[in-house]
Amino acid sequence: MRASVRGPPGTSPLRPRSAAARARAQAQAQAQAQAQAQATARVLRSTVDGRTVRRGRRRDGAARRGR
């Protein structure tokens, strides 16, 4: 069995998937990209005293205590 036959949707040149499967894969990729964009936007928006909190909420507790 060749790997090209059982590849991810859209990559197989010798057995094109159905339009529904291709659309579903495209929608999934789009949703994933949107989630990534939302995560990066949330990270950029979360600021403490004007400084950007980059990794999660690491500095959040200290900043709130110092206030």
PDB file of N, CA and C in Angstrom:
ATOM      1  N   MET A   1       0.840  -1.194   0.000  1.00  0.00           N
ATOM      2  CA  MET A   1       0.000   0.000   0.000  1.00  0.00           C
ATOM      3  C   MET A   1       0.874   1.241   0.000  1.00  0.00           C
ATOM      4  N   ARG A   2       0.594   2.126  -0.944  1.00  0.00           N
ATOM      5  CA  ARG A   2       1.396   3.339  -1.013  1.00  0.00           C
ATOM      6  C   ARG A   2       0.824   4.400  -0.079  1.00  0.00           C
ATOM      7  N   ALA A   3       1.697   5.256   0.445  1.00  0.00           N
ATOM      8  CA  ALA A   3       1.262   6.262   1.420  1.00  0.00           C
ATOM      9  C   ALA A   3       0.450   7.359   0.743  1.00  0.00           C
ATOM     10  N   SER A   4       0.660   7.514  -0.576  1.00  0.00           N
ATOM     11  CA  SER A   4      -0.026   8.621  -1.256  1.00  0.00           C
ATOM     12  C   SER A   4      -1.536   8.365  -1.337  1.00  0.00           C
ATOM     13  N   VAL A   5      -1.922   7.088  -1.244  1.00  0.00           N
ATOM     14  CA  VAL A   5      -3.351   6.794  -1.350  1.00  0.00           C
ATOM     15  C   VAL A   5      -4.078   7.197  -0.072  1.00  0.00           C
ATOM     16  N   ARG A   6      -3.441   6.942   1.086  1.00  0.00           N
ATOM     17  CA  ARG A   6      -4.105   7.199   2.362  1.00  0.00           C
ATOM     18  C   ARG A   6      -3.581   8.471   3.027  1.00  0.00           C
ATOM     19  N   GLY A   7      -3.275   9.483   2.240  1.00  0.00           N
ATOM     20  CA  GLY A   7      -2.765  10.731   2.816  1.00  0.00           C
ATOM     21  C   GLY A   7      -3.905  11.582   3.347  1.00  0.00           C
ATOM     22  N   PRO A   8      -3.563  12.738   3.889  1.00  0.00           N
ATOM     23  CA  PRO A   8      -4.603  13.665   4.336  1.00  0.00           C
ATOM     24  C   PRO A   8      -5.458  14.134   3.167  1.00  0.00           C
ATOM     25  N   PRO A   9      -6.674  14.595   3.408  1.00  0.00           N
ATOM     26  CA  PRO A   9      -7.570  14.984   2.312  1.00  0.00           C
ATOM     27  C   PRO A   9      -6.940  16.063   1.439  1.00  0.00           C
ATOM     28  N   GLY A  10      -7.071  15.874   0.132  1.00  0.00           N
ATOM     29  CA  GLY A  10      -6.574  16.880  -0.803  1.00  0.00           C
ATOM     30  C   GLY A  10      -5.162  16.613  -1.284  1.00  0.00           C
ATOM     31  N   THR A  11      -4.412  15.721  -0.623  1.00  0.00           N
ATOM     32  CA  THR A  11      -3.032  15.507  -1.024  1.00  0.00           C
ATOM     33  C   THR A  11      -2.908  14.357  -2.022  1.00  0.00           C
ATOM     34  N   SER A  12      -3.884  13.454  -2.022  1.00  0.00           N
ATOM     35  CA  SER A  12      -3.774  12.293  -2.896  1.00  0.00           C
ATOM     36  C   SER A  12      -4.059  12.680  -4.343  1.00  0.00           C
ATOM     37  N   PRO A  13      -3.080  12.523  -5.236  1.00  0.00           N
ATOM     38  CA  PRO A  13      -3.315  12.892  -6.634  1.00  0.00           C
ATOM     39  C   PRO A  13      -4.125  11.840  -7.387  1.00  0.00           C
ATOM     40  N   LEU A  14      -4.096  10.581  -6.917  1.00  0.00           N
ATOM     41  CA  LEU A  14      -4.732   9.553  -7.730  1.00  0.00           C
ATOM     42  C   LEU A  14      -6.073   9.101  -7.176  1.00  0.00           C
ATOM     43  N   ARG A  15      -6.582   9.678  -6.105  1.00  0.00           N
ATOM     44  CA  ARG A  15      -7.985   9.429  -5.778  1.00  0.00           C
ATOM     45  C   ARG A  15      -8.555  10.689  -5.156  1.00  0.00           C
ATOM     46  N   PRO A  16      -9.039  11.604  -5.980  1.00  0.00           N
ATOM     47  CA  PRO A  16      -9.573  12.851  -5.440  1.00  0.00           C
ATOM     48  C   PRO A  16     -10.757  12.591  -4.524  1.00  0.00           C
ATOM     49  N   ARG A  17     -10.772  13.267  -3.387  1.00  0.00           N
ATOM     50  CA  ARG A  17     -11.864  13.073  -2.444  1.00  0.00           C
ATOM     51  C   ARG A  17     -13.130  13.734  -2.973  1.00  0.00           C
ATOM     52  N   SER A  18     -14.245  13.418  -2.326  1.00  0.00           N
ATOM     53  CA  SER A  18     -15.496  14.041  -2.737  1.00  0.00           C
ATOM     54  C   SER A  18     -15.474  15.521  -2.364  1.00  0.00           C
ATOM     55  N   ALA A  19     -16.336  16.279  -2.998  1.00  0.00           N
ATOM     56  CA  ALA A  19     -16.376  17.716  -2.731  1.00  0.00           C
ATOM     57  C   ALA A  19     -16.751  17.976  -1.274  1.00  0.00           C
ATOM     58  N   ALA A  20     -17.612  17.133  -0.722  1.00  0.00           N
ATOM     59  CA  ALA A  20     -18.037  17.335   0.666  1.00  0.00           C
ATOM     60  C   ALA A  20     -16.859  17.152   1.618  1.00  0.00           C
ATOM     61  N   ALA A  21     -16.063  16.112   1.378  1.00  0.00           N
ATOM     62  CA  ALA A  21     -14.920  15.867   2.258  1.00  0.00           C
ATOM     63  C   ALA A  21     -13.918  17.015   2.147  1.00  0.00           C
ATOM     64  N   ARG A  22     -13.694  17.496   0.918  1.00  0.00           N
ATOM     65  CA  ARG A  22     -12.736  18.584   0.732  1.00  0.00           C
ATOM     66  C   ARG A  22     -13.234  19.848   1.440  1.00  0.00           C
ATOM     67  N   ALA A  23     -14.535  20.115   1.303  1.00  0.00           N
ATOM     68  CA  ALA A  23     -15.100  21.311   1.948  1.00  0.00           C
ATOM     69  C   ALA A  23     -14.998  21.182   3.466  1.00  0.00           C
ATOM     70  N   ARG A  24     -15.226  19.959   3.969  1.00  0.00           N
ATOM     71  CA  ARG A  24     -15.160  19.771   5.415  1.00  0.00           C
ATOM     72  C   ARG A  24     -13.732  20.000   5.921  1.00  0.00           C
ATOM     73  N   ALA A  25     -12.753  19.481   5.179  1.00  0.00           N
ATOM     74  CA  ALA A  25     -11.360  19.674   5.587  1.00  0.00           C
ATOM     75  C   ALA A  25     -10.998  21.159   5.539  1.00  0.00           C
ATOM     76  N   GLN A  26     -11.483  21.850   4.501  1.00  0.00           N
ATOM     77  CA  GLN A  26     -11.174  23.283   4.383  1.00  0.00           C
ATOM     78  C   GLN A  26     -11.797  24.057   5.546  1.00  0.00           C
ATOM     79  N   ALA A  27     -13.036  23.705   5.887  1.00  0.00           N
ATOM     80  CA  ALA A  27     -13.708  24.402   6.993  1.00  0.00           C
ATOM     81  C   ALA A  27     -12.967  24.150   8.298  1.00  0.00           C
ATOM     82  N   GLN A  28     -12.472  22.928   8.482  1.00  0.00           N
ATOM     83  CA  GLN A  28     -11.751  22.608   9.721  1.00  0.00           C
ATOM     84  C   GLN A  28     -10.464  23.430   9.804  1.00  0.00           C
ATOM     85  N   ALA A  29      -9.742  23.511   8.683  1.00  0.00           N
ATOM     86  CA  ALA A  29      -8.503  24.282   8.675  1.00  0.00           C
ATOM     87  C   ALA A  29      -8.798  25.759   8.942  1.00  0.00           C
ATOM     88  N   GLN A  30      -9.896  26.253   8.367  1.00  0.00           N
ATOM     89  CA  GLN A  30     -10.254  27.658   8.561  1.00  0.00           C
ATOM     90  C   GLN A  30     -10.575  27.922  10.034  1.00  0.00           C
ATOM     91  N   ALA A  31     -11.335  26.997  10.650  1.00  0.00           N
ATOM     92  CA  ALA A  31     -11.688  27.171  12.060  1.00  0.00           C
ATOM     93  C   ALA A  31     -10.433  27.147  12.928  1.00  0.00           C
ATOM     94  N   GLN A  32      -9.491  26.279  12.572  1.00  0.00           N
ATOM     95  CA  GLN A  32      -8.255  26.198  13.349  1.00  0.00           C
ATOM     96  C   GLN A  32      -7.479  27.511  13.247  1.00  0.00           C
ATOM     97  N   ALA A  33      -7.393  28.048  12.032  1.00  0.00           N
ATOM     98  CA  ALA A  33      -6.672  29.308  11.848  1.00  0.00           C
ATOM     99  C   ALA A  33      -7.361  30.434  12.616  1.00  0.00           C
ATOM    100  N   GLN A  34      -8.693  30.415  12.615  1.00  0.00           N
ATOM    101  CA  GLN A  34      -9.423  31.465  13.331  1.00  0.00           C
ATOM    102  C   GLN A  34      -9.163  31.369  14.833  1.00  0.00           C
ATOM    103  N   ALA A  35      -9.142  30.134  15.357  1.00  0.00           N
ATOM    104  CA  ALA A  35      -8.881  29.964  16.780  1.00  0.00           C
ATOM    105  C   ALA A  35      -7.480  30.462  17.127  1.00  0.00           C
ATOM    106  N   GLN A  36      -6.529  30.180  16.245  1.00  0.00           N
ATOM    107  CA  GLN A  36      -5.156  30.641  16.493  1.00  0.00           C
ATOM    108  C   GLN A  36      -5.106  32.164  16.518  1.00  0.00           C
ATOM    109  N   ALA A  37      -5.795  32.793  15.564  1.00  0.00           N
ATOM    110  CA  ALA A  37      -5.802  34.257  15.508  1.00  0.00           C
ATOM    111  C   ALA A  37      -6.439  34.839  16.770  1.00  0.00           C
ATOM    112  N   GLN A  38      -7.517  34.211  17.233  1.00  0.00           N
ATOM    113  CA  GLN A  38      -8.171  34.703  18.446  1.00  0.00           C
ATOM    114  C   GLN A  38      -7.239  34.586  19.649  1.00  0.00           C
ATOM    115  N   ALA A  39      -6.502  33.479  19.718  1.00  0.00           N
ATOM    116  CA  ALA A  39      -5.600  33.285  20.849  1.00  0.00           C
ATOM    117  C   ALA A  39      -4.508  34.361  20.841  1.00  0.00           C
ATOM    118  N   THR A  40      -3.934  34.616  19.676  1.00  0.00           N
ATOM    119  CA  THR A  40      -2.862  35.624  19.609  1.00  0.00           C
ATOM    120  C   THR A  40      -3.419  37.005  19.941  1.00  0.00           C
ATOM    121  N   ALA A  41      -4.641  37.290  19.485  1.00  0.00           N
ATOM    122  CA  ALA A  41      -5.244  38.595  19.776  1.00  0.00           C
ATOM    123  C   ALA A  41      -5.476  38.729  21.276  1.00  0.00           C
ATOM    124  N   ARG A  42      -5.911  37.647  21.920  1.00  0.00           N
ATOM    125  CA  ARG A  42      -6.159  37.718  23.355  1.00  0.00           C
ATOM    126  C   ARG A  42      -4.847  37.953  24.095  1.00  0.00           C
ATOM    127  N   VAL A  43      -3.777  37.300  23.621  1.00  0.00           N
ATOM    128  CA  VAL A  43      -2.485  37.479  24.284  1.00  0.00           C
ATOM    129  C   VAL A  43      -2.018  38.922  24.125  1.00  0.00           C
ATOM    130  N   LEU A  44      -2.239  39.495  22.927  1.00  0.00           N
ATOM    131  CA  LEU A  44      -1.777  40.856  22.706  1.00  0.00           C
ATOM    132  C   LEU A  44      -2.614  41.858  23.493  1.00  0.00           C
ATOM    133  N   ARG A  45      -3.909  41.550  23.688  1.00  0.00           N
ATOM    134  CA  ARG A  45      -4.784  42.493  24.376  1.00  0.00           C
ATOM    135  C   ARG A  45      -4.562  42.504  25.877  1.00  0.00           C
ATOM    136  N   SER A  46      -4.140  41.358  26.443  1.00  0.00           N
ATOM    137  CA  SER A  46      -4.060  41.269  27.898  1.00  0.00           C
ATOM    138  C   SER A  46      -2.837  42.042  28.382  1.00  0.00           C
ATOM    139  N   THR A  47      -3.074  43.271  28.820  1.00  0.00           N
ATOM    140  CA  THR A  47      -1.950  44.087  29.290  1.00  0.00           C
ATOM    141  C   THR A  47      -2.141  44.391  30.763  1.00  0.00           C
ATOM    142  N   VAL A  48      -1.038  44.545  31.461  1.00  0.00           N
ATOM    143  CA  VAL A  48      -1.073  44.932  32.870  1.00  0.00           C
ATOM    144  C   VAL A  48      -0.222  46.177  33.020  1.00  0.00           C
ATOM    145  N   ASP A  49      -0.840  47.295  33.378  1.00  0.00           N
ATOM    146  CA  ASP A  49      -0.144  48.583  33.531  1.00  0.00           C
ATOM    147  C   ASP A  49       0.561  48.965  32.232  1.00  0.00           C
ATOM    148  N   GLY A  50      -0.053  48.657  31.095  1.00  0.00           N
ATOM    149  CA  GLY A  50       0.547  49.032  29.825  1.00  0.00           C
ATOM    150  C   GLY A  50       1.578  48.031  29.351  1.00  0.00           C
ATOM    151  N   ARG A  51       2.089  47.168  30.239  1.00  0.00           N
ATOM    152  CA  ARG A  51       3.045  46.151  29.794  1.00  0.00           C
ATOM    153  C   ARG A  51       2.283  44.930  29.312  1.00  0.00           C
ATOM    154  N   THR A  52       2.745  44.359  28.229  1.00  0.00           N
ATOM    155  CA  THR A  52       2.048  43.208  27.678  1.00  0.00           C
ATOM    156  C   THR A  52       2.389  41.959  28.462  1.00  0.00           C
ATOM    157  N   VAL A  53       1.364  41.244  28.894  1.00  0.00           N
ATOM    158  CA  VAL A  53       1.599  39.961  29.557  1.00  0.00           C
ATOM    159  C   VAL A  53       1.675  38.907  28.464  1.00  0.00           C
ATOM    160  N   ARG A  54       2.875  38.369  28.234  1.00  0.00           N
ATOM    161  CA  ARG A  54       3.075  37.540  27.059  1.00  0.00           C
ATOM    162  C   ARG A  54       2.689  36.091  27.336  1.00  0.00           C
ATOM    163  N   ARG A  55       3.272  35.492  28.379  1.00  0.00           N
ATOM    164  CA  ARG A  55       3.033  34.064  28.585  1.00  0.00           C
ATOM    165  C   ARG A  55       1.952  33.849  29.626  1.00  0.00           C
ATOM    166  N   GLY A  56       0.719  33.643  29.158  1.00  0.00           N
ATOM    167  CA  GLY A  56      -0.368  33.310  30.076  1.00  0.00           C
ATOM    168  C   GLY A  56      -0.608  34.418  31.103  1.00  0.00           C
ATOM    169  N   ARG A  57      -0.746  34.028  32.372  1.00  0.00           N
ATOM    170  CA  ARG A  57      -0.997  35.014  33.423  1.00  0.00           C
ATOM    171  C   ARG A  57       0.104  34.933  34.475  1.00  0.00           C
ATOM    172  N   ARG A  58       1.353  34.866  34.007  1.00  0.00           N
ATOM    173  CA  ARG A  58       2.457  34.659  34.938  1.00  0.00           C
ATOM    174  C   ARG A  58       2.647  35.881  35.841  1.00  0.00           C
ATOM    175  N   ARG A  59       2.639  37.098  35.241  1.00  0.00           N
ATOM    176  CA  ARG A  59       2.922  38.303  36.023  1.00  0.00           C
ATOM    177  C   ARG A  59       1.659  38.893  36.627  1.00  0.00           C
ATOM    178  N   ASP A  60       0.518  38.273  36.327  1.00  0.00           N
ATOM    179  CA  ASP A  60      -0.753  38.874  36.713  1.00  0.00           C
ATOM    180  C   ASP A  60      -0.868  38.999  38.232  1.00  0.00           C
ATOM    181  N   GLY A  61      -0.546  37.926  38.955  1.00  0.00           N
ATOM    182  CA  GLY A  61      -0.703  37.951  40.409  1.00  0.00           C
ATOM    183  C   GLY A  61       0.184  39.009  41.040  1.00  0.00           C
ATOM    184  N   ALA A  62       1.435  39.103  40.596  1.00  0.00           N
ATOM    185  CA  ALA A  62       2.370  40.061  41.177  1.00  0.00           C
ATOM    186  C   ALA A  62       1.902  41.484  40.894  1.00  0.00           C
ATOM    187  N   ALA A  63       1.424  41.729  39.687  1.00  0.00           N
ATOM    188  CA  ALA A  63       0.994  43.077  39.328  1.00  0.00           C
ATOM    189  C   ALA A  63      -0.219  43.467  40.170  1.00  0.00           C
ATOM    190  N   ARG A  64      -1.126  42.513  40.379  1.00  0.00           N
ATOM    191  CA  ARG A  64      -2.324  42.855  41.137  1.00  0.00           C
ATOM    192  C   ARG A  64      -1.969  43.111  42.600  1.00  0.00           C
ATOM    193  N   ARG A  65      -0.965  42.356  43.116  1.00  0.00           N
ATOM    194  CA  ARG A  65      -0.570  42.541  44.501  1.00  0.00           C
ATOM    195  C   ARG A  65       0.098  43.900  44.682  1.00  0.00           C
ATOM    196  N   GLY A  66       0.869  44.330  43.680  1.00  0.00           N
ATOM    197  CA  GLY A  66       1.584  45.592  43.825  1.00  0.00           C
ATOM    198  C   GLY A  66       0.664  46.802  43.707  1.00  0.00           C
ATOM    199  N   ARG A  67      -0.525  46.605  43.168  1.00  0.00           N
ATOM    200  CA  ARG A  67      -1.408  47.744  42.937  1.00  0.00           C
ATOM    201  C   ARG A  67      -1.942  48.292  44.257  1.00  0.00           C
TER     202      ARG A  67
END
